[in-house]
Every structure is written in structure tokens, then in C-alpha cells.
Amino acid sequence: MSKLVNGYLAVLEWSPARLAKMSGQSKATISRITSYDTERNPYYRLELRTIQAIAQALELTLEQRRELFYTAFPEFYVWDEAAEHGYTVDETNDLLHGRGLPLLTSDK
């Protein structure tokens, strides 16, 4: 996540402080995202609204937004894959479970 967001900041020539201001997020939140490998830290979970605010502030394209959301929430990719293939909830949960991602139900 940090590499991706920092790449967008570099293209726009923005600082993390500017992203914080433009997205309405705290400097601490943006610092966590830009300074740490959040996807490898199981104790830090980004909020959906934070990623949405960042995507809007950066004026990302649909593909860029998708990449940002899939990076922040890898289960979204699995959900989309399952929907495209017509998988059942159980089949989707099997995919999620196999990747160590949150399940759609709490049965496993």
C-alpha cells in the first residue's frame, strides 16, 4: 500500500501532508499508510472510508481506484472473481479461507 500511494504522490508532486489535507484524513493516518507496509501488519486494518477519501483526493482513474482497493482489501478481488464466475457463498469462503482472508460468514 505504501509503495502504491507514494507512487501517486510522486506523480502529483504532493507531500503526505497535502494528501492528508485534501483527503480530510489525519496526518497520522496518512503517515501510517505512506511509511509502513500496512498489508504485512495484521494489527493495522485500513478503513474503507479512508481509502475512498484518498482515492477521491488523488482523483484516481477507475483502474487506479480498483488497484488501491484491491491492495487495501484483497478480499475485494476474491469477491469480484467469485461474482464473475458465479460462485456460491461456500465456494467464495473456500477461496477466502485458502488465502487467509476474512470470510463472508463465520462458519469456518
PDB file of N, CA and C in Angstrom:
ATOM      1  N   MET A   1       0.826  -1.184   0.000  1.00  0.00           N
ATOM      2  CA  MET A   1       0.000   0.000   0.000  1.00  0.00           C
ATOM      3  C   MET A   1       0.874   1.254   0.000  1.00  0.00           C
ATOM      4  N   SER A   2       1.919   1.255   0.833  1.00  0.00           N
ATOM      5  CA  SER A   2       2.764   2.445   0.920  1.00  0.00           C
ATOM      6  C   SER A   2       3.417   2.749  -0.422  1.00  0.00           C
ATOM      7  N   LYS A   3       3.898   1.720  -1.098  1.00  0.00           N
ATOM      8  CA  LYS A   3       4.544   1.921  -2.401  1.00  0.00           C
ATOM      9  C   LYS A   3       3.554   2.506  -3.412  1.00  0.00           C
ATOM     10  N   LEU A   4       2.356   1.998  -3.423  1.00  0.00           N
ATOM     11  CA  LEU A   4       1.328   2.454  -4.353  1.00  0.00           C
ATOM     12  C   LEU A   4       0.959   3.915  -4.097  1.00  0.00           C
ATOM     13  N   VAL A   5       0.642   4.250  -2.859  1.00  0.00           N
ATOM     14  CA  VAL A   5       0.240   5.619  -2.522  1.00  0.00           C
ATOM     15  C   VAL A   5       1.404   6.582  -2.735  1.00  0.00           C
ATOM     16  N   ASN A   6       2.592   6.186  -2.328  1.00  0.00           N
ATOM     17  CA  ASN A   6       3.751   7.056  -2.542  1.00  0.00           C
ATOM     18  C   ASN A   6       4.006   7.296  -4.027  1.00  0.00           C
ATOM     19  N   GLY A   7       3.724   6.301  -4.852  1.00  0.00           N
ATOM     20  CA  GLY A   7       3.848   6.480  -6.297  1.00  0.00           C
ATOM     21  C   GLY A   7       2.885   7.534  -6.821  1.00  0.00           C
ATOM     22  N   TYR A   8       1.647   7.494  -6.350  1.00  0.00           N
ATOM     23  CA  TYR A   8       0.668   8.505  -6.756  1.00  0.00           C
ATOM     24  C   TYR A   8       1.091   9.892  -6.278  1.00  0.00           C
ATOM     25  N   LEU A   9       1.606   9.964  -5.057  1.00  0.00           N
ATOM     26  CA  LEU A   9       2.064  11.249  -4.527  1.00  0.00           C
ATOM     27  C   LEU A   9       3.216  11.802  -5.359  1.00  0.00           C
ATOM     28  N   ALA A  10       4.133  10.940  -5.758  1.00  0.00           N
ATOM     29  CA  ALA A  10       5.285  11.376  -6.553  1.00  0.00           C
ATOM     30  C   ALA A  10       4.838  11.949  -7.897  1.00  0.00           C
ATOM     31  N   VAL A  11       3.888  11.279  -8.542  1.00  0.00           N
ATOM     32  CA  VAL A  11       3.388  11.753  -9.839  1.00  0.00           C
ATOM     33  C   VAL A  11       2.757  13.139  -9.697  1.00  0.00           C
ATOM     34  N   LEU A  12       2.002  13.333  -8.629  1.00  0.00           N
ATOM     35  CA  LEU A  12       1.326  14.616  -8.401  1.00  0.00           C
ATOM     36  C   LEU A  12       2.232  15.660  -7.751  1.00  0.00           C
ATOM     37  N   GLU A  13       3.410  15.208  -7.314  1.00  0.00           N
ATOM     38  CA  GLU A  13       4.339  16.065  -6.564  1.00  0.00           C
ATOM     39  C   GLU A  13       3.677  16.604  -5.293  1.00  0.00           C
ATOM     40  N   TRP A  14       2.986  15.698  -4.619  1.00  0.00           N
ATOM     41  CA  TRP A  14       2.313  16.020  -3.363  1.00  0.00           C
ATOM     42  C   TRP A  14       3.107  15.449  -2.202  1.00  0.00           C
ATOM     43  N   SER A  15       3.007  16.096  -1.071  1.00  0.00           N
ATOM     44  CA  SER A  15       3.555  15.564   0.175  1.00  0.00           C
ATOM     45  C   SER A  15       2.460  14.770   0.877  1.00  0.00           C
ATOM     46  N   PRO A  16       2.850  13.903   1.823  1.00  0.00           N
ATOM     47  CA  PRO A  16       1.820  13.235   2.625  1.00  0.00           C
ATOM     48  C   PRO A  16       0.921  14.235   3.355  1.00  0.00           C
ATOM     49  N   ALA A  17       1.497  15.363   3.781  1.00  0.00           N
ATOM     50  CA  ALA A  17       0.695  16.386   4.469  1.00  0.00           C
ATOM     51  C   ALA A  17      -0.386  16.949   3.543  1.00  0.00           C
ATOM     52  N   ARG A  18      -0.037  17.134   2.286  1.00  0.00           N
ATOM     53  CA  ARG A  18      -1.043  17.635   1.338  1.00  0.00           C
ATOM     54  C   ARG A  18      -2.136  16.598   1.112  1.00  0.00           C
ATOM     55  N   LEU A  19      -1.754  15.331   1.011  1.00  0.00           N
ATOM     56  CA  LEU A  19      -2.766  14.283   0.864  1.00  0.00           C
ATOM     57  C   LEU A  19      -3.686  14.266   2.079  1.00  0.00           C
ATOM     58  N   ALA A  20      -3.115  14.429   3.266  1.00  0.00           N
ATOM     59  CA  ALA A  20      -3.936  14.465   4.480  1.00  0.00           C
ATOM     60  C   ALA A  20      -4.958  15.596   4.392  1.00  0.00           C
ATOM     61  N   LYS A  21      -4.494  16.770   3.988  1.00  0.00           N
ATOM     62  CA  LYS A  21      -5.393  17.919   3.890  1.00  0.00           C
ATOM     63  C   LYS A  21      -6.470  17.697   2.829  1.00  0.00           C
ATOM     64  N   MET A  22      -6.068  17.233   1.656  1.00  0.00           N
ATOM     65  CA  MET A  22      -7.003  17.074   0.543  1.00  0.00           C
ATOM     66  C   MET A  22      -8.002  15.931   0.770  1.00  0.00           C
ATOM     67  N   SER A  23      -7.597  14.919   1.532  1.00  0.00           N
ATOM     68  CA  SER A  23      -8.475  13.766   1.772  1.00  0.00           C
ATOM     69  C   SER A  23      -9.284  13.887   3.058  1.00  0.00           C
ATOM     70  N   GLY A  24      -8.938  14.868   3.888  1.00  0.00           N
ATOM     71  CA  GLY A  24      -9.637  15.017   5.158  1.00  0.00           C
ATOM     72  C   GLY A  24      -9.227  13.991   6.197  1.00  0.00           C
ATOM     73  N   GLN A  25      -8.112  13.316   5.957  1.00  0.00           N
ATOM     74  CA  GLN A  25      -7.607  12.310   6.892  1.00  0.00           C
ATOM     75  C   GLN A  25      -6.531  12.941   7.765  1.00  0.00           C
ATOM     76  N   SER A  26      -6.288  12.355   8.909  1.00  0.00           N
ATOM     77  CA  SER A  26      -5.262  12.900   9.795  1.00  0.00           C
ATOM     78  C   SER A  26      -3.875  12.649   9.209  1.00  0.00           C
ATOM     79  N   LYS A  27      -2.928  13.495   9.596  1.00  0.00           N
ATOM     80  CA  LYS A  27      -1.542  13.297   9.166  1.00  0.00           C
ATOM     81  C   LYS A  27      -1.023  11.956   9.665  1.00  0.00           C
ATOM     82  N   ALA A  28      -1.453  11.548  10.853  1.00  0.00           N
ATOM     83  CA  ALA A  28      -1.011  10.264  11.417  1.00  0.00           C
ATOM     84  C   ALA A  28      -1.496   9.097  10.555  1.00  0.00           C
ATOM     85  N   THR A  29      -2.733   9.160  10.104  1.00  0.00           N
ATOM     86  CA  THR A  29      -3.275   8.094   9.249  1.00  0.00           C
ATOM     87  C   THR A  29      -2.506   8.018   7.937  1.00  0.00           C
ATOM     88  N   ILE A  30      -2.293   9.155   7.305  1.00  0.00           N
ATOM     89  CA  ILE A  30      -1.558   9.172   6.035  1.00  0.00           C
ATOM     90  C   ILE A  30      -0.121   8.725   6.257  1.00  0.00           C
ATOM     91  N   SER A  31       0.471   9.111   7.368  1.00  0.00           N
ATOM     92  CA  SER A  31       1.840   8.679   7.681  1.00  0.00           C
ATOM     93  C   SER A  31       1.914   7.165   7.814  1.00  0.00           C
ATOM     94  N   ARG A  32       0.933   6.565   8.470  1.00  0.00           N
ATOM     95  CA  ARG A  32       0.895   5.105   8.588  1.00  0.00           C
ATOM     96  C   ARG A  32       0.838   4.443   7.214  1.00  0.00           C
ATOM     97  N   ILE A  33       0.053   5.018   6.344  1.00  0.00           N
ATOM     98  CA  ILE A  33      -0.115   4.444   5.005  1.00  0.00           C
ATOM     99  C   ILE A  33       1.137   4.632   4.155  1.00  0.00           C
ATOM    100  N   THR A  34       1.760   5.790   4.230  1.00  0.00           N
ATOM    101  CA  THR A  34       2.908   6.082   3.366  1.00  0.00           C
ATOM    102  C   THR A  34       4.236   5.612   3.931  1.00  0.00           C
ATOM    103  N   SER A  35       4.286   5.332   5.219  1.00  0.00           N
ATOM    104  CA  SER A  35       5.565   4.985   5.851  1.00  0.00           C
ATOM    105  C   SER A  35       5.717   3.517   6.195  1.00  0.00           C
ATOM    106  N   TYR A  36       4.622   2.788   6.263  1.00  0.00           N
ATOM    107  CA  TYR A  36       4.681   1.403   6.712  1.00  0.00           C
ATOM    108  C   TYR A  36       4.064   0.475   5.680  1.00  0.00           C
ATOM    109  N   ASP A  37       4.503  -0.748   5.726  1.00  0.00           N
ATOM    110  CA  ASP A  37       3.958  -1.777   4.846  1.00  0.00           C
ATOM    111  C   ASP A  37       2.701  -2.328   5.512  1.00  0.00           C
ATOM    112  N   THR A  38       1.594  -1.576   5.400  1.00  0.00           N
ATOM    113  CA  THR A  38       0.372  -1.906   6.144  1.00  0.00           C
ATOM    114  C   THR A  38      -0.204  -3.265   5.787  1.00  0.00           C
ATOM    115  N   GLU A  39       0.004  -3.734   4.552  1.00  0.00           N
ATOM    116  CA  GLU A  39      -0.577  -5.025   4.192  1.00  0.00           C
ATOM    117  C   GLU A  39       0.121  -6.187   4.882  1.00  0.00           C
ATOM    118  N   ARG A  40       1.307  -5.953   5.423  1.00  0.00           N
ATOM    119  CA  ARG A  40       2.013  -7.019   6.144  1.00  0.00           C
ATOM    120  C   ARG A  40       1.821  -6.924   7.657  1.00  0.00           C
ATOM    121  N   ASN A  41       1.121  -5.897   8.096  1.00  0.00           N
ATOM    122  CA  ASN A  41       0.889  -5.702   9.519  1.00  0.00           C
ATOM    123  C   ASN A  41      -0.533  -6.147   9.850  1.00  0.00           C
ATOM    124  N   PRO A  42      -0.685  -7.326  10.446  1.00  0.00           N
ATOM    125  CA  PRO A  42      -2.030  -7.836  10.726  1.00  0.00           C
ATOM    126  C   PRO A  42      -2.781  -7.031  11.784  1.00  0.00           C
ATOM    127  N   TYR A  43      -2.092  -6.141  12.482  1.00  0.00           N
ATOM    128  CA  TYR A  43      -2.730  -5.375  13.547  1.00  0.00           C
ATOM    129  C   TYR A  43      -3.275  -4.040  13.056  1.00  0.00           C
ATOM    130  N   TYR A  44      -2.944  -3.671  11.825  1.00  0.00           N
ATOM    131  CA  TYR A  44      -3.433  -2.402  11.293  1.00  0.00           C
ATOM    132  C   TYR A  44      -4.323  -2.668  10.093  1.00  0.00           C
ATOM    133  N   ARG A  45      -5.575  -2.344  10.237  1.00  0.00           N
ATOM    134  CA  ARG A  45      -6.556  -2.567   9.168  1.00  0.00           C
ATOM    135  C   ARG A  45      -7.084  -1.210   8.723  1.00  0.00           C
ATOM    136  N   LEU A  46      -6.889  -0.895   7.462  1.00  0.00           N
ATOM    137  CA  LEU A  46      -7.377   0.363   6.921  1.00  0.00           C
ATOM    138  C   LEU A  46      -8.899   0.361   6.874  1.00  0.00           C
ATOM    139  N   GLU A  47      -9.472   1.544   6.954  1.00  0.00           N
ATOM    140  CA  GLU A  47     -10.924   1.666   6.865  1.00  0.00           C
ATOM    141  C   GLU A  47     -11.317   1.967   5.425  1.00  0.00           C
ATOM    142  N   LEU A  48     -12.445   1.436   5.024  1.00  0.00           N
ATOM    143  CA  LEU A  48     -12.953   1.635   3.673  1.00  0.00           C
ATOM    144  C   LEU A  48     -13.083   3.123   3.349  1.00  0.00           C
ATOM    145  N   ARG A  49     -13.628   3.879   4.270  1.00  0.00           N
ATOM    146  CA  ARG A  49     -13.830   5.310   4.011  1.00  0.00           C
ATOM    147  C   ARG A  49     -12.509   6.054   3.866  1.00  0.00           C
ATOM    148  N   THR A  50     -11.458   5.593   4.543  1.00  0.00           N
ATOM    149  CA  THR A  50     -10.139   6.213   4.402  1.00  0.00           C
ATOM    150  C   THR A  50      -9.617   6.022   2.986  1.00  0.00           C
ATOM    151  N   ILE A  51      -9.729   4.804   2.474  1.00  0.00           N
ATOM    152  CA  ILE A  51      -9.261   4.517   1.120  1.00  0.00           C
ATOM    153  C   ILE A  51     -10.098   5.282   0.102  1.00  0.00           C
ATOM    154  N   GLN A  52     -11.398   5.364   0.327  1.00  0.00           N
ATOM    155  CA  GLN A  52     -12.269   6.129  -0.577  1.00  0.00           C
ATOM    156  C   GLN A  52     -11.862   7.598  -0.592  1.00  0.00           C
ATOM    157  N   ALA A  53     -11.618   8.180   0.571  1.00  0.00           N
ATOM    158  CA  ALA A  53     -11.221   9.590   0.651  1.00  0.00           C
ATOM    159  C   ALA A  53      -9.893   9.828  -0.065  1.00  0.00           C
ATOM    160  N   ILE A  54      -8.957   8.911   0.102  1.00  0.00           N
ATOM    161  CA  ILE A  54      -7.655   9.033  -0.568  1.00  0.00           C
ATOM    162  C   ILE A  54      -7.830   8.933  -2.082  1.00  0.00           C
ATOM    163  N   ALA A  55      -8.623   7.970  -2.530  1.00  0.00           N
ATOM    164  CA  ALA A  55      -8.859   7.797  -3.969  1.00  0.00           C
ATOM    165  C   ALA A  55      -9.486   9.048  -4.577  1.00  0.00           C
ATOM    166  N   GLN A  56     -10.443   9.627  -3.879  1.00  0.00           N
ATOM    167  CA  GLN A  56     -11.083  10.841  -4.380  1.00  0.00           C
ATOM    168  C   GLN A  56     -10.124  12.019  -4.377  1.00  0.00           C
ATOM    169  N   ALA A  57      -9.358  12.175  -3.318  1.00  0.00           N
ATOM    170  CA  ALA A  57      -8.410  13.286  -3.237  1.00  0.00           C
ATOM    171  C   ALA A  57      -7.371  13.205  -4.351  1.00  0.00           C
ATOM    172  N   LEU A  58      -6.920  11.999  -4.658  1.00  0.00           N
ATOM    173  CA  LEU A  58      -5.913  11.803  -5.704  1.00  0.00           C
ATOM    174  C   LEU A  58      -6.512  11.812  -7.109  1.00  0.00           C
ATOM    175  N   GLU A  59      -7.856  11.843  -7.189  1.00  0.00           N
ATOM    176  CA  GLU A  59      -8.574  11.815  -8.465  1.00  0.00           C
ATOM    177  C   GLU A  59      -8.119  10.639  -9.333  1.00  0.00           C
ATOM    178  N   LEU A  60      -8.150   9.453  -8.723  1.00  0.00           N
ATOM    179  CA  LEU A  60      -7.696   8.248  -9.410  1.00  0.00           C
ATOM    180  C   LEU A  60      -8.682   7.806 -10.483  1.00  0.00           C
ATOM    181  N   THR A  61      -8.152   7.172 -11.511  1.00  0.00           N
ATOM    182  CA  THR A  61      -8.999   6.568 -12.540  1.00  0.00           C
ATOM    183  C   THR A  61      -9.668   5.328 -11.942  1.00  0.00           C
ATOM    184  N   LEU A  62     -10.621   4.780 -12.662  1.00  0.00           N
ATOM    185  CA  LEU A  62     -11.301   3.574 -12.189  1.00  0.00           C
ATOM    186  C   LEU A  62     -10.304   2.441 -11.956  1.00  0.00           C
ATOM    187  N   GLU A  63      -9.390   2.238 -12.880  1.00  0.00           N
ATOM    188  CA  GLU A  63      -8.388   1.172 -12.725  1.00  0.00           C
ATOM    189  C   GLU A  63      -7.471   1.438 -11.534  1.00  0.00           C
ATOM    190  N   GLN A  64      -7.065   2.679 -11.351  1.00  0.00           N
ATOM    191  CA  GLN A  64      -6.213   3.025 -10.212  1.00  0.00           C
ATOM    192  C   GLN A  64      -6.962   2.820  -8.899  1.00  0.00           C
ATOM    193  N   ARG A  65      -8.233   3.200  -8.881  1.00  0.00           N
ATOM    194  CA  ARG A  65      -9.053   3.002  -7.676  1.00  0.00           C
ATOM    195  C   ARG A  65      -9.171   1.518  -7.359  1.00  0.00           C
ATOM    196  N   ARG A  66      -9.421   0.736  -8.390  1.00  0.00           N
ATOM    197  CA  ARG A  66      -9.549  -0.709  -8.200  1.00  0.00           C
ATOM    198  C   ARG A  66      -8.249  -1.277  -7.613  1.00  0.00           C
ATOM    199  N   GLU A  67      -7.111  -0.866  -8.163  1.00  0.00           N
ATOM    200  CA  GLU A  67      -5.825  -1.342  -7.648  1.00  0.00           C
ATOM    201  C   GLU A  67      -5.634  -0.933  -6.188  1.00  0.00           C
ATOM    202  N   LEU A  68      -6.003   0.304  -5.865  1.00  0.00           N
ATOM    203  CA  LEU A  68      -5.872   0.783  -4.491  1.00  0.00           C
ATOM    204  C   LEU A  68      -6.757  -0.030  -3.546  1.00  0.00           C
ATOM    205  N   PHE A  69      -8.015  -0.239  -3.931  1.00  0.00           N
ATOM    206  CA  PHE A  69      -8.936  -1.002  -3.087  1.00  0.00           C
ATOM    207  C   PHE A  69      -8.521  -2.467  -2.973  1.00  0.00           C
ATOM    208  N   TYR A  70      -8.092  -3.076  -4.065  1.00  0.00           N
ATOM    209  CA  TYR A  70      -7.650  -4.471  -4.018  1.00  0.00           C
ATOM    210  C   TYR A  70      -6.401  -4.622  -3.153  1.00  0.00           C
ATOM    211  N   THR A  71      -5.543  -3.608  -3.156  1.00  0.00           N
ATOM    212  CA  THR A  71      -4.344  -3.656  -2.316  1.00  0.00           C
ATOM    213  C   THR A  71      -4.726  -3.521  -0.845  1.00  0.00           C
ATOM    214  N   ALA A  72      -5.625  -2.596  -0.555  1.00  0.00           N
ATOM    215  CA  ALA A  72      -6.050  -2.377   0.834  1.00  0.00           C
ATOM    216  C   ALA A  72      -6.919  -3.516   1.355  1.00  0.00           C
ATOM    217  N   PHE A  73      -7.755  -4.051   0.493  1.00  0.00           N
ATOM    218  CA  PHE A  73      -8.716  -5.087   0.871  1.00  0.00           C
ATOM    219  C   PHE A  73      -8.651  -6.223  -0.143  1.00  0.00           C
ATOM    220  N   PRO A  74      -7.689  -7.134  -0.019  1.00  0.00           N
ATOM    221  CA  PRO A  74      -7.538  -8.200  -1.012  1.00  0.00           C
ATOM    222  C   PRO A  74      -8.777  -9.079  -1.156  1.00  0.00           C
ATOM    223  N   GLU A  75      -9.618  -9.103  -0.136  1.00  0.00           N
ATOM    224  CA  GLU A  75     -10.845  -9.888  -0.246  1.00  0.00           C
ATOM    225  C   GLU A  75     -11.766  -9.328  -1.327  1.00  0.00           C
ATOM    226  N   PHE A  76     -11.679  -8.026  -1.634  1.00  0.00           N
ATOM    227  CA  PHE A  76     -12.494  -7.437  -2.697  1.00  0.00           C
ATOM    228  C   PHE A  76     -12.204  -8.112  -4.033  1.00  0.00           C
ATOM    229  N   TYR A  77     -10.941  -8.411  -4.277  1.00  0.00           N
ATOM    230  CA  TYR A  77     -10.561  -9.078  -5.525  1.00  0.00           C
ATOM    231  C   TYR A  77     -11.224 -10.452  -5.604  1.00  0.00           C
ATOM    232  N   VAL A  78     -11.189 -11.175  -4.486  1.00  0.00           N
ATOM    233  CA  VAL A  78     -11.800 -12.507  -4.445  1.00  0.00           C
ATOM    234  C   VAL A  78     -13.310 -12.391  -4.639  1.00  0.00           C
ATOM    235  N   TRP A  79     -13.927 -11.399  -4.024  1.00  0.00           N
ATOM    236  CA  TRP A  79     -15.370 -11.206  -4.189  1.00  0.00           C
ATOM    237  C   TRP A  79     -15.717 -10.968  -5.655  1.00  0.00           C
ATOM    238  N   ASP A  80     -14.937 -10.111  -6.311  1.00  0.00           N
ATOM    239  CA  ASP A  80     -15.196  -9.834  -7.724  1.00  0.00           C
ATOM    240  C   ASP A  80     -14.987 -11.078  -8.577  1.00  0.00           C
ATOM    241  N   GLU A  81     -13.926 -11.814  -8.288  1.00  0.00           N
ATOM    242  CA  GLU A  81     -13.641 -13.057  -9.013  1.00  0.00           C
ATOM    243  C   GLU A  81     -14.798 -14.047  -8.839  1.00  0.00           C
ATOM    244  N   ALA A  82     -15.274 -14.182  -7.607  1.00  0.00           N
ATOM    245  CA  ALA A  82     -16.371 -15.105  -7.315  1.00  0.00           C
ATOM    246  C   ALA A  82     -17.648 -14.684  -8.040  1.00  0.00           C
ATOM    247  N   ALA A  83     -17.923 -13.392  -8.051  1.00  0.00           N
ATOM    248  CA  ALA A  83     -19.123 -12.896  -8.728  1.00  0.00           C
ATOM    249  C   ALA A  83     -19.041 -13.148 -10.234  1.00  0.00           C
ATOM    250  N   GLU A  84     -17.863 -12.932 -10.797  1.00  0.00           N
ATOM    251  CA  GLU A  84     -17.684 -13.148 -12.242  1.00  0.00           C
ATOM    252  C   GLU A  84     -17.883 -14.608 -12.630  1.00  0.00           C
ATOM    253  N   HIS A  85     -17.518 -15.518 -11.723  1.00  0.00           N
ATOM    254  CA  HIS A  85     -17.619 -16.949 -12.016  1.00  0.00           C
ATOM    255  C   HIS A  85     -18.899 -17.589 -11.477  1.00  0.00           C
ATOM    256  N   GLY A  86     -19.736 -16.802 -10.805  1.00  0.00           N
ATOM    257  CA  GLY A  86     -20.986 -17.331 -10.284  1.00  0.00           C
ATOM    258  C   GLY A  86     -20.815 -18.285  -9.113  1.00  0.00           C
ATOM    259  N   TYR A  87     -19.768 -18.085  -8.307  1.00  0.00           N
ATOM    260  CA  TYR A  87     -19.522 -18.958  -7.163  1.00  0.00           C
ATOM    261  C   TYR A  87     -20.568 -18.754  -6.081  1.00  0.00           C
ATOM    262  N   THR A  88     -20.823 -19.802  -5.333  1.00  0.00           N
ATOM    263  CA  THR A  88     -21.713 -19.722  -4.173  1.00  0.00           C
ATOM    264  C   THR A  88     -20.956 -19.075  -3.017  1.00  0.00           C
ATOM    265  N   VAL A  89     -21.678 -18.776  -1.954  1.00  0.00           N
ATOM    266  CA  VAL A  89     -21.043 -18.229  -0.756  1.00  0.00           C
ATOM    267  C   VAL A  89     -20.015 -19.217  -0.215  1.00  0.00           C
ATOM    268  N   ASP A  90     -20.373 -20.508  -0.180  1.00  0.00           N
ATOM    269  CA  ASP A  90     -19.432 -21.520   0.321  1.00  0.00           C
ATOM    270  C   ASP A  90     -18.175 -21.593  -0.540  1.00  0.00           C
ATOM    271  N   GLU A  91     -18.337 -21.548  -1.845  1.00  0.00           N
ATOM    272  CA  GLU A  91     -17.170 -21.581  -2.738  1.00  0.00           C
ATOM    273  C   GLU A  91     -16.306 -20.331  -2.556  1.00  0.00           C
ATOM    274  N   THR A  92     -16.968 -19.204  -2.366  1.00  0.00           N
ATOM    275  CA  THR A  92     -16.232 -17.956  -2.129  1.00  0.00           C
ATOM    276  C   THR A  92     -15.486 -18.028  -0.807  1.00  0.00           C
ATOM    277  N   ASN A  93     -16.152 -18.546   0.220  1.00  0.00           N
ATOM    278  CA  ASN A  93     -15.483 -18.705   1.514  1.00  0.00           C
ATOM    279  C   ASN A  93     -14.274 -19.627   1.409  1.00  0.00           C
ATOM    280  N   ASP A  94     -14.373 -20.672   0.598  1.00  0.00           N
ATOM    281  CA  ASP A  94     -13.226 -21.570   0.403  1.00  0.00           C
ATOM    282  C   ASP A  94     -12.042 -20.816  -0.191  1.00  0.00           C
ATOM    283  N   LEU A  95     -12.315 -19.965  -1.173  1.00  0.00           N
ATOM    284  CA  LEU A  95     -11.246 -19.151  -1.767  1.00  0.00           C
ATOM    285  C   LEU A  95     -10.649 -18.199  -0.735  1.00  0.00           C
ATOM    286  N   LEU A  96     -11.520 -17.528   0.000  1.00  0.00           N
ATOM    287  CA  LEU A  96     -11.061 -16.582   1.021  1.00  0.00           C
ATOM    288  C   LEU A  96     -10.241 -17.288   2.090  1.00  0.00           C
ATOM    289  N   HIS A  97     -10.758 -18.411   2.559  1.00  0.00           N
ATOM    290  CA  HIS A  97     -10.066 -19.183   3.595  1.00  0.00           C
ATOM    291  C   HIS A  97      -8.682 -19.615   3.111  1.00  0.00           C
ATOM    292  N   GLY A  98      -8.611 -20.077   1.878  1.00  0.00           N
ATOM    293  CA  GLY A  98      -7.342 -20.520   1.314  1.00  0.00           C
ATOM    294  C   GLY A  98      -6.306 -19.418   1.210  1.00  0.00           C
ATOM    295  N   ARG A  99      -6.768 -18.179   1.169  1.00  0.00           N
ATOM    296  CA  ARG A  99      -5.856 -17.031   1.064  1.00  0.00           C
ATOM    297  C   ARG A  99      -5.688 -16.302   2.393  1.00  0.00           C
ATOM    298  N   GLY A 100      -6.301 -16.861   3.441  1.00  0.00           N
ATOM    299  CA  GLY A 100      -6.172 -16.252   4.765  1.00  0.00           C
ATOM    300  C   GLY A 100      -6.900 -14.926   4.898  1.00  0.00           C
ATOM    301  N   LEU A 101      -7.990 -14.777   4.163  1.00  0.00           N
ATOM    302  CA  LEU A 101      -8.750 -13.526   4.161  1.00  0.00           C
ATOM    303  C   LEU A 101     -10.048 -13.688   4.942  1.00  0.00           C
ATOM    304  N   PRO A 102     -10.649 -12.562   5.377  1.00  0.00           N
ATOM    305  CA  PRO A 102     -11.914 -12.637   6.111  1.00  0.00           C
ATOM    306  C   PRO A 102     -13.003 -13.305   5.273  1.00  0.00           C
ATOM    307  N   LEU A 103     -13.775 -14.149   5.926  1.00  0.00           N
ATOM    308  CA  LEU A 103     -14.842 -14.898   5.257  1.00  0.00           C
ATOM    309  C   LEU A 103     -16.124 -14.083   5.177  1.00  0.00           C
ATOM    310  N   LEU A 104     -17.002 -14.491   4.287  1.00  0.00           N
ATOM    311  CA  LEU A 104     -18.315 -13.867   4.174  1.00  0.00           C
ATOM    312  C   LEU A 104     -19.217 -14.271   5.333  1.00  0.00           C
ATOM    313  N   THR A 105     -18.979 -15.456   5.874  1.00  0.00           N
ATOM    314  CA  THR A 105     -19.743 -15.960   7.016  1.00  0.00           C
ATOM    315  C   THR A 105     -18.762 -16.423   8.080  1.00  0.00           C
ATOM    316  N   SER A 106     -19.267 -16.718   9.243  1.00  0.00           N
ATOM    317  CA  SER A 106     -18.391 -17.144  10.341  1.00  0.00           C
ATOM    318  C   SER A 106     -18.450 -18.647  10.578  1.00  0.00           C
ATOM    319  N   ASP A 107     -18.793 -19.424   9.559  1.00  0.00           N
ATOM    320  CA  ASP A 107     -18.980 -20.868   9.715  1.00  0.00           C
ATOM    321  C   ASP A 107     -17.695 -21.675   9.787  1.00  0.00           C
ATOM    322  N   LYS A 108     -16.595 -21.181   9.279  1.00  0.00           N
ATOM    323  CA  LYS A 108     -15.357 -21.977   9.225  1.00  0.00           C
ATOM    324  C   LYS A 108     -14.532 -21.815  10.472  1.00  0.00           C
TER     325      LYS A 108
END
